[in-house]
PDB file of N, CA and C in Angstrom:
ATOM      1  N   MET A   1     -19.306  10.293   2.521  1.00  0.00           N
ATOM      2  CA  MET A   1     -18.003  10.406   1.890  1.00  0.00           C
ATOM      3  C   MET A   1     -17.984   9.482   0.673  1.00  0.00           C
ATOM      4  N   SER A   2     -17.649  10.021  -0.477  1.00  0.00           N
ATOM      5  CA  SER A   2     -17.619   9.217  -1.698  1.00  0.00           C
ATOM      6  C   SER A   2     -16.345   8.376  -1.743  1.00  0.00           C
ATOM      7  N   PHE A   3     -16.318   7.447  -2.656  1.00  0.00           N
ATOM      8  CA  PHE A   3     -15.160   6.572  -2.811  1.00  0.00           C
ATOM      9  C   PHE A   3     -13.909   7.380  -3.152  1.00  0.00           C
ATOM     10  N   THR A   4     -14.043   8.367  -4.016  1.00  0.00           N
ATOM     11  CA  THR A   4     -12.902   9.188  -4.419  1.00  0.00           C
ATOM     12  C   THR A   4     -12.333   9.954  -3.231  1.00  0.00           C
ATOM     13  N   GLN A   5     -13.208  10.516  -2.414  1.00  0.00           N
ATOM     14  CA  GLN A   5     -12.746  11.251  -1.231  1.00  0.00           C
ATOM     15  C   GLN A   5     -12.054  10.314  -0.244  1.00  0.00           C
ATOM     16  N   ARG A   6     -12.625   9.134  -0.058  1.00  0.00           N
ATOM     17  CA  ARG A   6     -12.036   8.156   0.856  1.00  0.00           C
ATOM     18  C   ARG A   6     -10.667   7.694   0.330  1.00  0.00           C
ATOM     19  N   ASP A   7     -10.579   7.467  -0.975  1.00  0.00           N
ATOM     20  CA  ASP A   7      -9.324   7.054  -1.584  1.00  0.00           C
ATOM     21  C   ASP A   7      -8.246   8.121  -1.392  1.00  0.00           C
ATOM     22  N   TYR A   8      -8.611   9.374  -1.619  1.00  0.00           N
ATOM     23  CA  TYR A   8      -7.655  10.472  -1.449  1.00  0.00           C
ATOM     24  C   TYR A   8      -7.246  10.623   0.011  1.00  0.00           C
ATOM     25  N   HIS A   9      -8.200  10.416   0.907  1.00  0.00           N
ATOM     26  CA  HIS A   9      -7.899  10.491   2.343  1.00  0.00           C
ATOM     27  C   HIS A   9      -6.866   9.435   2.729  1.00  0.00           C
ATOM     28  N   TRP A  10      -7.057   8.199   2.279  1.00  0.00           N
ATOM     29  CA  TRP A  10      -6.090   7.128   2.574  1.00  0.00           C
ATOM     30  C   TRP A  10      -4.732   7.428   1.956  1.00  0.00           C
ATOM     31  N   PHE A  11      -4.736   7.984   0.730  1.00  0.00           N
ATOM     32  CA  PHE A  11      -3.494   8.365   0.060  1.00  0.00           C
ATOM     33  C   PHE A  11      -2.718   9.376   0.902  1.00  0.00           C
ATOM     34  N   GLN A  12      -3.421  10.383   1.427  1.00  0.00           N
ATOM     35  CA  GLN A  12      -2.771  11.393   2.264  1.00  0.00           C
ATOM     36  C   GLN A  12      -2.241  10.789   3.562  1.00  0.00           C
ATOM     37  N   LEU A  13      -3.008   9.901   4.190  1.00  0.00           N
ATOM     38  CA  LEU A  13      -2.556   9.270   5.435  1.00  0.00           C
ATOM     39  C   LEU A  13      -1.282   8.454   5.216  1.00  0.00           C
ATOM     40  N   ILE A  14      -1.238   7.709   4.131  1.00  0.00           N
ATOM     41  CA  ILE A  14      -0.058   6.883   3.851  1.00  0.00           C
ATOM     42  C   ILE A  14       1.149   7.764   3.560  1.00  0.00           C
ATOM     43  N   ASN A  15       0.956   8.840   2.803  1.00  0.00           N
ATOM     44  CA  ASN A  15       2.066   9.745   2.516  1.00  0.00           C
ATOM     45  C   ASN A  15       2.588  10.415   3.780  1.00  0.00           C
ATOM     46  N   GLN A  16       1.695  10.825   4.671  1.00  0.00           N
ATOM     47  CA  GLN A  16       2.123  11.437   5.924  1.00  0.00           C
ATOM     48  C   GLN A  16       2.840  10.429   6.809  1.00  0.00           C
ATOM     49  N   LEU A  17       2.402   9.191   6.775  1.00  0.00           N
ATOM     50  CA  LEU A  17       3.074   8.146   7.539  1.00  0.00           C
ATOM     51  C   LEU A  17       4.503   7.941   7.028  1.00  0.00           C
ATOM     52  N   GLY A  18       4.684   8.039   5.716  1.00  0.00           N
ATOM     53  CA  GLY A  18       6.022   7.932   5.138  1.00  0.00           C
ATOM     54  C   GLY A  18       6.939   9.056   5.589  1.00  0.00           C
ATOM     55  N   ASN A  19       6.381  10.234   5.802  1.00  0.00           N
ATOM     56  CA  ASN A  19       7.190  11.358   6.283  1.00  0.00           C
ATOM     57  C   ASN A  19       7.567  11.195   7.753  1.00  0.00           C
ATOM     58  N   SER A  20       6.653  10.642   8.540  1.00  0.00           N
ATOM     59  CA  SER A  20       6.925  10.516   9.969  1.00  0.00           C
ATOM     60  C   SER A  20       7.733   9.266  10.308  1.00  0.00           C
ATOM     61  N   LEU A  21       7.678   8.246   9.462  1.00  0.00           N
ATOM     62  CA  LEU A  21       8.443   7.013   9.679  1.00  0.00           C
ATOM     63  C   LEU A  21       9.266   6.693   8.435  1.00  0.00           C
ATOM     64  N   PRO A  22      10.405   7.344   8.250  1.00  0.00           N
ATOM     65  CA  PRO A  22      11.182   7.148   7.023  1.00  0.00           C
ATOM     66  C   PRO A  22      11.702   5.724   6.841  1.00  0.00           C
ATOM     67  N   ALA A  23      11.715   4.919   7.894  1.00  0.00           N
ATOM     68  CA  ALA A  23      12.164   3.536   7.764  1.00  0.00           C
ATOM     69  C   ALA A  23      11.201   2.714   6.899  1.00  0.00           C
ATOM     70  N   LEU A  24       9.973   3.183   6.740  1.00  0.00           N
ATOM     71  CA  LEU A  24       9.005   2.460   5.917  1.00  0.00           C
ATOM     72  C   LEU A  24       9.237   2.640   4.417  1.00  0.00           C
ATOM     73  N   ASN A  25       9.937   3.678   4.025  1.00  0.00           N
ATOM     74  CA  ASN A  25      10.102   3.979   2.604  1.00  0.00           C
ATOM     75  C   ASN A  25      10.745   2.845   1.807  1.00  0.00           C
ATOM     76  N   PRO A  26      11.848   2.233   2.255  1.00  0.00           N
ATOM     77  CA  PRO A  26      12.402   1.122   1.466  1.00  0.00           C
ATOM     78  C   PRO A  26      11.436  -0.057   1.345  1.00  0.00           C
ATOM     79  N   ASN A  27      10.691  -0.330   2.416  1.00  0.00           N
ATOM     80  CA  ASN A  27       9.712  -1.424   2.354  1.00  0.00           C
ATOM     81  C   ASN A  27       8.609  -1.113   1.354  1.00  0.00           C
ATOM     82  N   MET A  28       8.155   0.118   1.336  1.00  0.00           N
ATOM     83  CA  MET A  28       7.096   0.492   0.397  1.00  0.00           C
ATOM     84  C   MET A  28       7.610   0.446  -1.041  1.00  0.00           C
ATOM     85  N   ARG A  29       8.853   0.839  -1.268  1.00  0.00           N
ATOM     86  CA  ARG A  29       9.427   0.740  -2.613  1.00  0.00           C
ATOM     87  C   ARG A  29       9.499  -0.713  -3.059  1.00  0.00           C
ATOM     88  N   LEU A  30       9.901  -1.589  -2.150  1.00  0.00           N
ATOM     89  CA  LEU A  30       9.975  -3.013  -2.463  1.00  0.00           C
ATOM     90  C   LEU A  30       8.592  -3.562  -2.803  1.00  0.00           C
ATOM     91  N   LEU A  31       7.592  -3.226  -1.993  1.00  0.00           N
ATOM     92  CA  LEU A  31       6.229  -3.685  -2.273  1.00  0.00           C
ATOM     93  C   LEU A  31       5.714  -3.134  -3.599  1.00  0.00           C
ATOM     94  N   ALA A  32       6.045  -1.887  -3.902  1.00  0.00           N
ATOM     95  CA  ALA A  32       5.600  -1.289  -5.161  1.00  0.00           C
ATOM     96  C   ALA A  32       6.273  -1.968  -6.348  1.00  0.00           C
ATOM     97  N   SER A  33       7.525  -2.338  -6.195  1.00  0.00           N
ATOM     98  CA  SER A  33       8.248  -3.002  -7.280  1.00  0.00           C
ATOM     99  C   SER A  33       7.687  -4.390  -7.565  1.00  0.00           C
ATOM    100  N   TYR A  34       7.276  -5.072  -6.510  1.00  0.00           N
ATOM    101  CA  TYR A  34       6.786  -6.442  -6.650  1.00  0.00           C
ATOM    102  C   TYR A  34       5.297  -6.559  -6.345  1.00  0.00           C
ATOM    103  N   ALA A  35       4.547  -5.496  -6.602  1.00  0.00           N
ATOM    104  CA  ALA A  35       3.120  -5.475  -6.266  1.00  0.00           C
ATOM    105  C   ALA A  35       2.354  -6.578  -6.985  1.00  0.00           C
ATOM    106  N   GLU A  36       2.718  -6.848  -8.224  1.00  0.00           N
ATOM    107  CA  GLU A  36       2.014  -7.894  -8.975  1.00  0.00           C
ATOM    108  C   GLU A  36       2.186  -9.250  -8.298  1.00  0.00           C
ATOM    109  N   TYR A  37       3.399  -9.541  -7.848  1.00  0.00           N
ATOM    110  CA  TYR A  37       3.662 -10.824  -7.198  1.00  0.00           C
ATOM    111  C   TYR A  37       2.985 -10.905  -5.827  1.00  0.00           C
ATOM    112  N   VAL A  38       2.956  -9.790  -5.115  1.00  0.00           N
ATOM    113  CA  VAL A  38       2.271  -9.756  -3.817  1.00  0.00           C
ATOM    114  C   VAL A  38       0.781  -9.997  -4.018  1.00  0.00           C
ATOM    115  N   PHE A  39       0.212  -9.427  -5.072  1.00  0.00           N
ATOM    116  CA  PHE A  39      -1.194  -9.629  -5.383  1.00  0.00           C
ATOM    117  C   PHE A  39      -1.485 -11.108  -5.658  1.00  0.00           C
ATOM    118  N   TYR A  40      -0.671 -11.730  -6.504  1.00  0.00           N
ATOM    119  CA  TYR A  40      -0.881 -13.144  -6.820  1.00  0.00           C
ATOM    120  C   TYR A  40      -0.687 -14.025  -5.592  1.00  0.00           C
ATOM    121  N   LEU A  41       0.274 -13.705  -4.771  1.00  0.00           N
ATOM    122  CA  LEU A  41       0.494 -14.467  -3.552  1.00  0.00           C
ATOM    123  C   LEU A  41      -0.723 -14.357  -2.634  1.00  0.00           C
ATOM    124  N   GLY A  42      -1.293 -13.174  -2.538  1.00  0.00           N
ATOM    125  CA  GLY A  42      -2.494 -12.994  -1.723  1.00  0.00           C
ATOM    126  C   GLY A  42      -3.660 -13.806  -2.241  1.00  0.00           C
ATOM    127  N   ILE A  43      -3.815 -13.876  -3.557  1.00  0.00           N
ATOM    128  CA  ILE A  43      -4.889 -14.684  -4.141  1.00  0.00           C
ATOM    129  C   ILE A  43      -4.682 -16.158  -3.837  1.00  0.00           C
ATOM    130  N   VAL A  44      -3.452 -16.623  -3.967  1.00  0.00           N
ATOM    131  CA  VAL A  44      -3.157 -18.029  -3.681  1.00  0.00           C
ATOM    132  C   VAL A  44      -3.437 -18.358  -2.213  1.00  0.00           C
ATOM    133  N   ILE A  45      -3.055 -17.467  -1.324  1.00  0.00           N
ATOM    134  CA  ILE A  45      -3.255 -17.710   0.108  1.00  0.00           C
ATOM    135  C   ILE A  45      -4.737 -17.694   0.454  1.00  0.00           C
ATOM    136  N   ILE A  46      -5.489 -16.759  -0.109  1.00  0.00           N
ATOM    137  CA  ILE A  46      -6.911 -16.644   0.193  1.00  0.00           C
ATOM    138  C   ILE A  46      -7.687 -17.817  -0.390  1.00  0.00           C
ATOM    139  N   CYS A  47      -7.364 -18.217  -1.603  1.00  0.00           N
ATOM    140  CA  CYS A  47      -8.115 -19.282  -2.265  1.00  0.00           C
ATOM    141  C   CYS A  47      -7.689 -20.671  -1.812  1.00  0.00           C
ATOM    142  N   ASP A  48      -6.615 -20.774  -1.113  1.00  0.00           N
ATOM    143  CA  ASP A  48      -6.122 -22.084  -0.695  1.00  0.00           C
ATOM    144  C   ASP A  48      -6.829 -22.620   0.494  1.00  0.00           C
TER     145      ASP A  48
END
């Protein structure tokens, strides 16, 4: 399985999860809005 196929597979799984668990949608929107800050926070936590 190539990287592109694996990436698309994960994309489909996450989208289907959003359909089956609608309570996750606001959380995912929040993470998408602040993705840059979540990324930097992860770097700080890992490097600390």
